[in-house]
Amino acid sequence: PVIQPKISMIFTCCRCETRQMRSFTRLAYEKGVVIVQCKGCGVRHLIADNLGWYYDWLEDGDQNVQDIMARKGVTVPRLQGDEALALWEEWNEDNTK
């Protein structure tokens, strides 16, 4: 079996304020479409659209959540290695109590 590299994302739903973590393949994020459903309210969040399926939801040139947030002046940090592990451990500890 081929192992696909994964991306994990921690975010807060803008509708219900539920903080959550989602994982998806790097291939889907960089080349496909990623939609995640909120665990709190069930709303669907468009994370990436590299195929142009949801062109009416995005501004010209936007393909993913990083592009959308950058246009709004918000930087989305990309963490790797120890930083990512520390953030995951903190999130996991906060959400398993």
C-alpha atoms as a PDB file:
ATOM      1  CA  PRO A   1       0.000   0.000   0.000  1.00  0.00           C
ATOM      2  CA  VAL A   2       1.103   3.551  -0.764  1.00  0.00           C
ATOM      3  CA  ILE A   3       1.304   5.807   2.296  1.00  0.00           C
ATOM      4  CA  GLN A   4       0.003   9.301   1.554  1.00  0.00           C
ATOM      5  CA  PRO A   5       1.560  12.191   3.523  1.00  0.00           C
ATOM      6  CA  LYS A   6      -1.052  13.802   5.783  1.00  0.00           C
ATOM      7  CA  ILE A   7      -1.764  17.355   6.820  1.00  0.00           C
ATOM      8  CA  SER A   8      -3.507  18.074  10.105  1.00  0.00           C
ATOM      9  CA  MET A   9      -5.305  21.306  10.757  1.00  0.00           C
ATOM     10  CA  ILE A  10      -6.610  22.745  14.016  1.00  0.00           C
ATOM     11  CA  PHE A  11      -9.265  25.418  13.584  1.00  0.00           C
ATOM     12  CA  THR A  12     -12.263  27.032  15.240  1.00  0.00           C
ATOM     13  CA  CYS A  13     -15.606  26.981  13.434  1.00  0.00           C
ATOM     14  CA  CYS A  14     -16.676  30.540  12.651  1.00  0.00           C
ATOM     15  CA  ARG A  15     -20.340  29.636  13.139  1.00  0.00           C
ATOM     16  CA  CYS A  16     -20.409  27.716  16.460  1.00  0.00           C
ATOM     17  CA  GLU A  17     -16.883  28.345  17.873  1.00  0.00           C
ATOM     18  CA  THR A  18     -16.103  24.606  18.161  1.00  0.00           C
ATOM     19  CA  ARG A  19     -12.330  24.029  18.164  1.00  0.00           C
ATOM     20  CA  GLN A  20     -11.406  20.874  16.285  1.00  0.00           C
ATOM     21  CA  MET A  21      -8.678  19.041  14.428  1.00  0.00           C
ATOM     22  CA  ARG A  22      -9.017  17.509  10.973  1.00  0.00           C
ATOM     23  CA  SER A  23      -6.559  15.489   8.879  1.00  0.00           C
ATOM     24  CA  PHE A  24      -6.458  14.948   5.127  1.00  0.00           C
ATOM     25  CA  THR A  25      -3.898  13.959   2.529  1.00  0.00           C
ATOM     26  CA  ARG A  26      -1.375  16.467   1.243  1.00  0.00           C
ATOM     27  CA  LEU A  27      -2.343  15.404  -2.290  1.00  0.00           C
ATOM     28  CA  ALA A  28      -5.988  16.393  -1.718  1.00  0.00           C
ATOM     29  CA  TYR A  29      -4.956  19.743  -0.219  1.00  0.00           C
ATOM     30  CA  GLU A  30      -2.484  20.622  -2.961  1.00  0.00           C
ATOM     31  CA  LYS A  31      -4.201  19.097  -6.030  1.00  0.00           C
ATOM     32  CA  GLY A  32      -7.829  18.297  -5.171  1.00  0.00           C
ATOM     33  CA  VAL A  33     -10.792  19.440  -3.077  1.00  0.00           C
ATOM     34  CA  VAL A  34     -11.010  19.279   0.733  1.00  0.00           C
ATOM     35  CA  ILE A  35     -14.253  19.928   2.597  1.00  0.00           C
ATOM     36  CA  VAL A  36     -14.572  19.218   6.326  1.00  0.00           C
ATOM     37  CA  GLN A  37     -17.735  19.068   8.403  1.00  0.00           C
ATOM     38  CA  CYS A  38     -17.822  20.798  11.790  1.00  0.00           C
ATOM     39  CA  LYS A  39     -18.227  18.432  14.740  1.00  0.00           C
ATOM     40  CA  GLY A  40     -20.236  21.080  16.587  1.00  0.00           C
ATOM     41  CA  CYS A  41     -22.850  22.402  14.176  1.00  0.00           C
ATOM     42  CA  GLY A  42     -22.405  20.288  11.042  1.00  0.00           C
ATOM     43  CA  VAL A  43     -21.606  23.212   8.720  1.00  0.00           C
ATOM     44  CA  ARG A  44     -19.187  22.327   5.920  1.00  0.00           C
ATOM     45  CA  HIS A  45     -15.961  24.299   5.544  1.00  0.00           C
ATOM     46  CA  LEU A  46     -14.153  24.520   2.210  1.00  0.00           C
ATOM     47  CA  ILE A  47     -10.454  24.035   2.971  1.00  0.00           C
ATOM     48  CA  ALA A  48      -9.041  23.668  -0.550  1.00  0.00           C
ATOM     49  CA  ASP A  49     -10.377  23.762  -4.105  1.00  0.00           C
ATOM     50  CA  ASN A  50      -7.658  23.227  -6.678  1.00  0.00           C
ATOM     51  CA  LEU A  51     -10.131  21.963  -9.288  1.00  0.00           C
ATOM     52  CA  GLY A  52     -12.309  25.065  -9.469  1.00  0.00           C
ATOM     53  CA  TRP A  53     -15.475  23.243  -8.392  1.00  0.00           C
ATOM     54  CA  TYR A  54     -16.457  25.996  -5.936  1.00  0.00           C
ATOM     55  CA  TYR A  55     -15.248  28.995  -7.949  1.00  0.00           C
ATOM     56  CA  ASP A  56     -18.276  31.008  -6.817  1.00  0.00           C
ATOM     57  CA  TRP A  57     -17.154  30.675  -3.163  1.00  0.00           C
ATOM     58  CA  LEU A  58     -13.611  31.909  -3.761  1.00  0.00           C
ATOM     59  CA  GLU A  59     -11.976  35.100  -4.941  1.00  0.00           C
ATOM     60  CA  ASP A  60      -9.853  34.996  -8.099  1.00  0.00           C
ATOM     61  CA  GLY A  61      -6.648  33.099  -7.452  1.00  0.00           C
ATOM     62  CA  ASP A  62      -7.682  31.617  -4.095  1.00  0.00           C
ATOM     63  CA  GLN A  63      -7.265  27.853  -3.920  1.00  0.00           C
ATOM     64  CA  ASN A  64      -7.106  27.039  -0.209  1.00  0.00           C
ATOM     65  CA  VAL A  65      -7.712  28.301   3.295  1.00  0.00           C
ATOM     66  CA  GLN A  66      -4.226  29.836   3.417  1.00  0.00           C
ATOM     67  CA  ASP A  67      -5.017  32.009   0.362  1.00  0.00           C
ATOM     68  CA  ILE A  68      -8.384  33.055   1.815  1.00  0.00           C
ATOM     69  CA  MET A  69      -6.932  33.980   5.199  1.00  0.00           C
ATOM     70  CA  ALA A  70      -3.970  35.823   3.619  1.00  0.00           C
ATOM     71  CA  ARG A  71      -6.430  37.979   1.662  1.00  0.00           C
ATOM     72  CA  LYS A  72      -8.065  38.820   5.026  1.00  0.00           C
ATOM     73  CA  GLY A  73      -4.667  39.722   6.504  1.00  0.00           C
ATOM     74  CA  VAL A  74      -4.390  36.609   8.686  1.00  0.00           C
ATOM     75  CA  THR A  75      -1.298  34.417   8.583  1.00  0.00           C
ATOM     76  CA  VAL A  76      -1.872  30.663   8.880  1.00  0.00           C
ATOM     77  CA  PRO A  77       1.164  29.169  10.601  1.00  0.00           C
ATOM     78  CA  ARG A  78       2.641  25.997   9.107  1.00  0.00           C
ATOM     79  CA  LEU A  79       4.274  23.899  11.783  1.00  0.00           C
ATOM     80  CA  GLN A  80       6.555  20.916  11.341  1.00  0.00           C
ATOM     81  CA  GLY A  81       8.445  18.551  13.592  1.00  0.00           C
ATOM     82  CA  ASP A  82       8.587  19.425  17.295  1.00  0.00           C
ATOM     83  CA  GLU A  83       6.376  22.518  16.940  1.00  0.00           C
ATOM     84  CA  ALA A  84       3.606  20.516  15.300  1.00  0.00           C
ATOM     85  CA  LEU A  85       3.922  17.709  17.850  1.00  0.00           C
ATOM     86  CA  ALA A  86       3.732  20.176  20.759  1.00  0.00           C
ATOM     87  CA  LEU A  87       0.608  21.822  19.310  1.00  0.00           C
ATOM     88  CA  TRP A  88      -1.036  18.436  18.724  1.00  0.00           C
ATOM     89  CA  GLU A  89      -0.227  17.307  22.281  1.00  0.00           C
ATOM     90  CA  GLU A  90      -1.649  20.554  23.698  1.00  0.00           C
ATOM     91  CA  TRP A  91      -4.827  20.225  21.608  1.00  0.00           C
ATOM     92  CA  ASN A  92      -5.199  16.544  22.499  1.00  0.00           C
ATOM     93  CA  GLU A  93      -4.751  17.249  26.224  1.00  0.00           C
ATOM     94  CA  ASP A  94      -7.315  20.080  26.146  1.00  0.00           C
ATOM     95  CA  ASN A  95      -9.878  17.996  24.254  1.00  0.00           C
ATOM     96  CA  THR A  96      -9.651  14.686  26.111  1.00  0.00           C
ATOM     97  CA  LYS A  97     -10.471  16.008  29.606  1.00  0.00           C
END
